[in-house]
Amino acid sequence: MDLTKTPVKACEGKALSELVNAPDHAIAGVSEADDKHLQEAFNIKTVGDLGKNKFFLRAQAIAALAEG
């Protein structure tokens, strides 16, 4: 996976250890409005929270298994 295209400009050059604690809107394509909805629905506040969310992980597993 090419992570150079993942963070937004404000987070470019940051170490992964910093990015994992950044707000989830640090991921390109996630807006601050999305950030608010993710926090309200799933208590997601950081990139790390987003990446470790059990619902998203389950959905990824289902999608991967469905592809064979």
PDB file of N, CA and C in Angstrom:
ATOM      1  N   MET A   1       0.856  -1.176   0.000  1.00  0.00           N
ATOM      2  CA  MET A   1       0.000   0.000   0.000  1.00  0.00           C
ATOM      3  C   MET A   1       0.897   1.233   0.000  1.00  0.00           C
ATOM      4  N   ASP A   2       0.555   2.178  -0.836  1.00  0.00           N
ATOM      5  CA  ASP A   2       1.330   3.414  -0.922  1.00  0.00           C
ATOM      6  C   ASP A   2       0.755   4.424   0.071  1.00  0.00           C
ATOM      7  N   LEU A   3       1.405   4.562   1.215  1.00  0.00           N
ATOM      8  CA  LEU A   3       0.914   5.474   2.253  1.00  0.00           C
ATOM      9  C   LEU A   3       1.241   6.926   1.954  1.00  0.00           C
ATOM     10  N   THR A   4       2.041   7.190   0.931  1.00  0.00           N
ATOM     11  CA  THR A   4       2.371   8.583   0.611  1.00  0.00           C
ATOM     12  C   THR A   4       1.153   9.333   0.101  1.00  0.00           C
ATOM     13  N   LYS A   5       0.136   8.624  -0.361  1.00  0.00           N
ATOM     14  CA  LYS A   5      -1.075   9.272  -0.874  1.00  0.00           C
ATOM     15  C   LYS A   5      -2.203   9.260   0.148  1.00  0.00           C
ATOM     16  N   THR A   6      -1.944   8.765   1.346  1.00  0.00           N
ATOM     17  CA  THR A   6      -2.991   8.630   2.351  1.00  0.00           C
ATOM     18  C   THR A   6      -3.199   9.874   3.198  1.00  0.00           C
ATOM     19  N   PRO A   7      -2.177  10.431   3.844  1.00  0.00           N
ATOM     20  CA  PRO A   7      -2.438  11.580   4.720  1.00  0.00           C
ATOM     21  C   PRO A   7      -2.719  12.857   3.932  1.00  0.00           C
ATOM     22  N   VAL A   8      -3.350  13.796   4.584  1.00  0.00           N
ATOM     23  CA  VAL A   8      -3.565  15.107   3.985  1.00  0.00           C
ATOM     24  C   VAL A   8      -2.275  15.905   4.092  1.00  0.00           C
ATOM     25  N   LYS A   9      -2.209  17.002   3.387  1.00  0.00           N
ATOM     26  CA  LYS A   9      -0.992  17.817   3.330  1.00  0.00           C
ATOM     27  C   LYS A   9      -0.454  18.200   4.703  1.00  0.00           C
ATOM     28  N   ALA A  10      -1.312  18.518   5.646  1.00  0.00           N
ATOM     29  CA  ALA A  10      -0.869  18.958   6.970  1.00  0.00           C
ATOM     30  C   ALA A  10      -0.118  17.871   7.725  1.00  0.00           C
ATOM     31  N   CYS A  11      -0.279  16.620   7.321  1.00  0.00           N
ATOM     32  CA  CYS A  11       0.355  15.517   8.029  1.00  0.00           C
ATOM     33  C   CYS A  11       1.503  14.896   7.242  1.00  0.00           C
ATOM     34  N   GLU A  12       1.777  15.404   6.056  1.00  0.00           N
ATOM     35  CA  GLU A  12       2.865  14.850   5.253  1.00  0.00           C
ATOM     36  C   GLU A  12       4.177  14.950   6.005  1.00  0.00           C
ATOM     37  N   GLY A  13       4.965  13.903   5.916  1.00  0.00           N
ATOM     38  CA  GLY A  13       6.272  13.897   6.560  1.00  0.00           C
ATOM     39  C   GLY A  13       6.249  13.498   8.018  1.00  0.00           C
ATOM     40  N   LYS A  14       5.079  13.305   8.587  1.00  0.00           N
ATOM     41  CA  LYS A  14       5.000  12.889   9.992  1.00  0.00           C
ATOM     42  C   LYS A  14       5.263  11.396  10.093  1.00  0.00           C
ATOM     43  N   ALA A  15       5.839  10.995  11.200  1.00  0.00           N
ATOM     44  CA  ALA A  15       6.072   9.585  11.460  1.00  0.00           C
ATOM     45  C   ALA A  15       4.731   8.881  11.673  1.00  0.00           C
ATOM     46  N   LEU A  16       4.705   7.589  11.389  1.00  0.00           N
ATOM     47  CA  LEU A  16       3.474   6.829  11.610  1.00  0.00           C
ATOM     48  C   LEU A  16       3.039   6.896  13.062  1.00  0.00           C
ATOM     49  N   SER A  17       3.999   6.963  13.978  1.00  0.00           N
ATOM     50  CA  SER A  17       3.667   7.066  15.399  1.00  0.00           C
ATOM     51  C   SER A  17       2.945   8.370  15.725  1.00  0.00           C
ATOM     52  N   GLU A  18       3.161   9.399  14.918  1.00  0.00           N
ATOM     53  CA  GLU A  18       2.434  10.663  15.085  1.00  0.00           C
ATOM     54  C   GLU A  18       1.101  10.606  14.361  1.00  0.00           C
ATOM     55  N   LEU A  19       1.115  10.038  13.156  1.00  0.00           N
ATOM     56  CA  LEU A  19      -0.097   9.986  12.333  1.00  0.00           C
ATOM     57  C   LEU A  19      -1.184   9.150  12.996  1.00  0.00           C
ATOM     58  N   VAL A  20      -0.814   8.093  13.692  1.00  0.00           N
ATOM     59  CA  VAL A  20      -1.808   7.230  14.340  1.00  0.00           C
ATOM     60  C   VAL A  20      -2.607   7.992  15.399  1.00  0.00           C
ATOM     61  N   ASN A  21      -2.014   9.047  15.957  1.00  0.00           N
ATOM     62  CA  ASN A  21      -2.700   9.856  16.973  1.00  0.00           C
ATOM     63  C   ASN A  21      -3.327  11.123  16.403  1.00  0.00           C
ATOM     64  N   ALA A  22      -3.226  11.313  15.091  1.00  0.00           N
ATOM     65  CA  ALA A  22      -3.813  12.487  14.440  1.00  0.00           C
ATOM     66  C   ALA A  22      -5.326  12.300  14.341  1.00  0.00           C
ATOM     67  N   PRO A  23      -6.078  13.404  14.221  1.00  0.00           N
ATOM     68  CA  PRO A  23      -7.524  13.283  14.027  1.00  0.00           C
ATOM     69  C   PRO A  23      -7.803  12.463  12.771  1.00  0.00           C
ATOM     70  N   ASP A  24      -8.927  11.751  12.757  1.00  0.00           N
ATOM     71  CA  ASP A  24      -9.210  10.879  11.620  1.00  0.00           C
ATOM     72  C   ASP A  24      -9.340  11.634  10.302  1.00  0.00           C
ATOM     73  N   HIS A  25      -9.631  12.933  10.340  1.00  0.00           N
ATOM     74  CA  HIS A  25      -9.687  13.679   9.077  1.00  0.00           C
ATOM     75  C   HIS A  25      -8.293  13.947   8.507  1.00  0.00           C
ATOM     76  N   ALA A  26      -7.246  13.423   9.165  1.00  0.00           N
ATOM     77  CA  ALA A  26      -5.898  13.484   8.595  1.00  0.00           C
ATOM     78  C   ALA A  26      -5.778  12.527   7.410  1.00  0.00           C
ATOM     79  N   ILE A  27      -6.712  11.624   7.265  1.00  0.00           N
ATOM     80  CA  ILE A  27      -6.736  10.725   6.118  1.00  0.00           C
ATOM     81  C   ILE A  27      -7.427  11.436   4.960  1.00  0.00           C
ATOM     82  N   ALA A  28      -6.766  11.473   3.830  1.00  0.00           N
ATOM     83  CA  ALA A  28      -7.338  12.114   2.644  1.00  0.00           C
ATOM     84  C   ALA A  28      -8.703  11.495   2.336  1.00  0.00           C
ATOM     85  N   GLY A  29      -9.683  12.331   2.125  1.00  0.00           N
ATOM     86  CA  GLY A  29     -11.028  11.877   1.808  1.00  0.00           C
ATOM     87  C   GLY A  29     -11.967  11.860   3.001  1.00  0.00           C
ATOM     88  N   VAL A  30     -11.426  11.998   4.212  1.00  0.00           N
ATOM     89  CA  VAL A  30     -12.258  12.080   5.416  1.00  0.00           C
ATOM     90  C   VAL A  30     -12.334  13.550   5.813  1.00  0.00           C
ATOM     91  N   SER A  31     -13.529  14.092   5.761  1.00  0.00           N
ATOM     92  CA  SER A  31     -13.705  15.515   6.070  1.00  0.00           C
ATOM     93  C   SER A  31     -13.895  15.720   7.567  1.00  0.00           C
ATOM     94  N   GLU A  32     -13.854  16.957   7.990  1.00  0.00           N
ATOM     95  CA  GLU A  32     -14.114  17.252   9.395  1.00  0.00           C
ATOM     96  C   GLU A  32     -15.562  16.922   9.753  1.00  0.00           C
ATOM     97  N   ALA A  33     -16.477  17.036   8.785  1.00  0.00           N
ATOM     98  CA  ALA A  33     -17.873  16.644   9.026  1.00  0.00           C
ATOM     99  C   ALA A  33     -17.952  15.128   9.218  1.00  0.00           C
ATOM    100  N   ASP A  34     -17.201  14.384   8.397  1.00  0.00           N
ATOM    101  CA  ASP A  34     -17.145  12.925   8.558  1.00  0.00           C
ATOM    102  C   ASP A  34     -16.582  12.586   9.937  1.00  0.00           C
ATOM    103  N   ASP A  35     -15.556  13.340  10.318  1.00  0.00           N
ATOM    104  CA  ASP A  35     -14.899  13.174  11.614  1.00  0.00           C
ATOM    105  C   ASP A  35     -15.950  13.240  12.734  1.00  0.00           C
ATOM    106  N   LYS A  36     -16.818  14.230  12.663  1.00  0.00           N
ATOM    107  CA  LYS A  36     -17.864  14.411  13.685  1.00  0.00           C
ATOM    108  C   LYS A  36     -18.814  13.215  13.706  1.00  0.00           C
ATOM    109  N   HIS A  37     -19.210  12.755  12.524  1.00  0.00           N
ATOM    110  CA  HIS A  37     -20.133  11.621  12.453  1.00  0.00           C
ATOM    111  C   HIS A  37     -19.482  10.326  12.949  1.00  0.00           C
ATOM    112  N   LEU A  38     -18.216  10.131  12.612  1.00  0.00           N
ATOM    113  CA  LEU A  38     -17.505   8.936  13.080  1.00  0.00           C
ATOM    114  C   LEU A  38     -17.378   8.939  14.600  1.00  0.00           C
ATOM    115  N   GLN A  39     -17.139  10.118  15.153  1.00  0.00           N
ATOM    116  CA  GLN A  39     -17.020  10.210  16.610  1.00  0.00           C
ATOM    117  C   GLN A  39     -18.359   9.927  17.278  1.00  0.00           C
ATOM    118  N   GLU A  40     -19.423  10.492  16.724  1.00  0.00           N
ATOM    119  CA  GLU A  40     -20.749  10.277  17.314  1.00  0.00           C
ATOM    120  C   GLU A  40     -21.201   8.827  17.198  1.00  0.00           C
ATOM    121  N   ALA A  41     -20.950   8.212  16.047  1.00  0.00           N
ATOM    122  CA  ALA A  41     -21.441   6.856  15.810  1.00  0.00           C
ATOM    123  C   ALA A  41     -20.560   5.773  16.419  1.00  0.00           C
ATOM    124  N   PHE A  42     -19.236   5.964  16.368  1.00  0.00           N
ATOM    125  CA  PHE A  42     -18.328   4.886  16.746  1.00  0.00           C
ATOM    126  C   PHE A  42     -17.270   5.289  17.774  1.00  0.00           C
ATOM    127  N   ASN A  43     -17.340   6.509  18.284  1.00  0.00           N
ATOM    128  CA  ASN A  43     -16.341   7.035  19.225  1.00  0.00           C
ATOM    129  C   ASN A  43     -14.929   7.029  18.625  1.00  0.00           C
ATOM    130  N   ILE A  44     -14.860   7.300  17.322  1.00  0.00           N
ATOM    131  CA  ILE A  44     -13.582   7.353  16.614  1.00  0.00           C
ATOM    132  C   ILE A  44     -13.096   8.788  16.634  1.00  0.00           C
ATOM    133  N   LYS A  45     -11.881   8.985  17.163  1.00  0.00           N
ATOM    134  CA  LYS A  45     -11.310  10.323  17.270  1.00  0.00           C
ATOM    135  C   LYS A  45      -9.988  10.451  16.533  1.00  0.00           C
ATOM    136  N   THR A  46      -9.301   9.340  16.322  1.00  0.00           N
ATOM    137  CA  THR A  46      -7.970   9.390  15.720  1.00  0.00           C
ATOM    138  C   THR A  46      -7.861   8.408  14.554  1.00  0.00           C
ATOM    139  N   VAL A  47      -6.783   8.556  13.791  1.00  0.00           N
ATOM    140  CA  VAL A  47      -6.495   7.616  12.708  1.00  0.00           C
ATOM    141  C   VAL A  47      -6.378   6.198  13.287  1.00  0.00           C
ATOM    142  N   GLY A  48      -5.741   6.076  14.439  1.00  0.00           N
ATOM    143  CA  GLY A  48      -5.613   4.775  15.075  1.00  0.00           C
ATOM    144  C   GLY A  48      -6.949   4.167  15.452  1.00  0.00           C
ATOM    145  N   ASP A  49      -7.853   4.990  15.988  1.00  0.00           N
ATOM    146  CA  ASP A  49      -9.200   4.511  16.318  1.00  0.00           C
ATOM    147  C   ASP A  49      -9.900   3.987  15.067  1.00  0.00           C
ATOM    148  N   LEU A  50      -9.757   4.716  13.978  1.00  0.00           N
ATOM    149  CA  LEU A  50     -10.391   4.331  12.714  1.00  0.00           C
ATOM    150  C   LEU A  50      -9.840   2.993  12.238  1.00  0.00           C
ATOM    151  N   GLY A  51      -8.529   2.834  12.319  1.00  0.00           N
ATOM    152  CA  GLY A  51      -7.893   1.612  11.855  1.00  0.00           C
ATOM    153  C   GLY A  51      -8.153   0.399  12.715  1.00  0.00           C
ATOM    154  N   LYS A  52      -8.500   0.606  13.970  1.00  0.00           N
ATOM    155  CA  LYS A  52      -8.727  -0.507  14.890  1.00  0.00           C
ATOM    156  C   LYS A  52     -10.212  -0.763  15.174  1.00  0.00           C
ATOM    157  N   ASN A  53     -11.084  -0.016  14.527  1.00  0.00           N
ATOM    158  CA  ASN A  53     -12.508  -0.154  14.801  1.00  0.00           C
ATOM    159  C   ASN A  53     -13.003  -1.548  14.401  1.00  0.00           C
ATOM    160  N   LYS A  54     -13.639  -2.237  15.351  1.00  0.00           N
ATOM    161  CA  LYS A  54     -14.050  -3.624  15.122  1.00  0.00           C
ATOM    162  C   LYS A  54     -15.053  -3.767  13.980  1.00  0.00           C
ATOM    163  N   PHE A  55     -15.898  -2.785  13.772  1.00  0.00           N
ATOM    164  CA  PHE A  55     -16.885  -2.881  12.705  1.00  0.00           C
ATOM    165  C   PHE A  55     -16.220  -2.758  11.333  1.00  0.00           C
ATOM    166  N   PHE A  56     -15.270  -1.837  11.214  1.00  0.00           N
ATOM    167  CA  PHE A  56     -14.557  -1.676   9.949  1.00  0.00           C
ATOM    168  C   PHE A  56     -13.665  -2.882   9.669  1.00  0.00           C
ATOM    169  N   LEU A  57     -13.042  -3.432  10.713  1.00  0.00           N
ATOM    170  CA  LEU A  57     -12.200  -4.613  10.543  1.00  0.00           C
ATOM    171  C   LEU A  57     -13.029  -5.812  10.097  1.00  0.00           C
ATOM    172  N   ARG A  58     -14.210  -5.975  10.668  1.00  0.00           N
ATOM    173  CA  ARG A  58     -15.096  -7.067  10.251  1.00  0.00           C
ATOM    174  C   ARG A  58     -15.532  -6.896   8.808  1.00  0.00           C
ATOM    175  N   ALA A  59     -15.890  -5.674   8.435  1.00  0.00           N
ATOM    176  CA  ALA A  59     -16.306  -5.412   7.055  1.00  0.00           C
ATOM    177  C   ALA A  59     -15.166  -5.696   6.071  1.00  0.00           C
ATOM    178  N   GLN A  60     -13.944  -5.324   6.448  1.00  0.00           N
ATOM    179  CA  GLN A  60     -12.783  -5.608   5.599  1.00  0.00           C
ATOM    180  C   GLN A  60     -12.589  -7.109   5.442  1.00  0.00           C
ATOM    181  N   ALA A  61     -12.716  -7.846   6.528  1.00  0.00           N
ATOM    182  CA  ALA A  61     -12.545  -9.295   6.486  1.00  0.00           C
ATOM    183  C   ALA A  61     -13.602  -9.938   5.594  1.00  0.00           C
ATOM    184  N   ILE A  62     -14.842  -9.512   5.722  1.00  0.00           N
ATOM    185  CA  ILE A  62     -15.918 -10.042   4.892  1.00  0.00           C
ATOM    186  C   ILE A  62     -15.650  -9.757   3.418  1.00  0.00           C
ATOM    187  N   ALA A  63     -15.247  -8.523   3.114  1.00  0.00           N
ATOM    188  CA  ALA A  63     -14.961  -8.146   1.740  1.00  0.00           C
ATOM    189  C   ALA A  63     -13.794  -8.966   1.172  1.00  0.00           C
ATOM    190  N   ALA A  64     -12.755  -9.155   1.952  1.00  0.00           N
ATOM    191  CA  ALA A  64     -11.587  -9.922   1.501  1.00  0.00           C
ATOM    192  C   ALA A  64     -11.953 -11.380   1.279  1.00  0.00           C
ATOM    193  N   LEU A  65     -12.720 -11.965   2.196  1.00  0.00           N
ATOM    194  CA  LEU A  65     -13.120 -13.375   2.047  1.00  0.00           C
ATOM    195  C   LEU A  65     -14.063 -13.559   0.866  1.00  0.00           C
ATOM    196  N   ALA A  66     -14.924 -12.591   0.617  1.00  0.00           N
ATOM    197  CA  ALA A  66     -15.858 -12.682  -0.501  1.00  0.00           C
ATOM    198  C   ALA A  66     -15.145 -12.655  -1.854  1.00  0.00           C
ATOM    199  N   GLU A  67     -13.965 -12.007  -1.874  1.00  0.00           N
ATOM    200  CA  GLU A  67     -13.187 -11.950  -3.117  1.00  0.00           C
ATOM    201  C   GLU A  67     -12.480 -13.267  -3.389  1.00  0.00           C
ATOM    202  N   GLY A  68     -12.401 -14.110  -2.383  1.00  0.00           N
ATOM    203  CA  GLY A  68     -11.810 -15.428  -2.560  1.00  0.00           C
ATOM    204  C   GLY A  68     -10.379 -15.428  -2.252  1.00  0.00           C
TER     205      GLY A  68
END
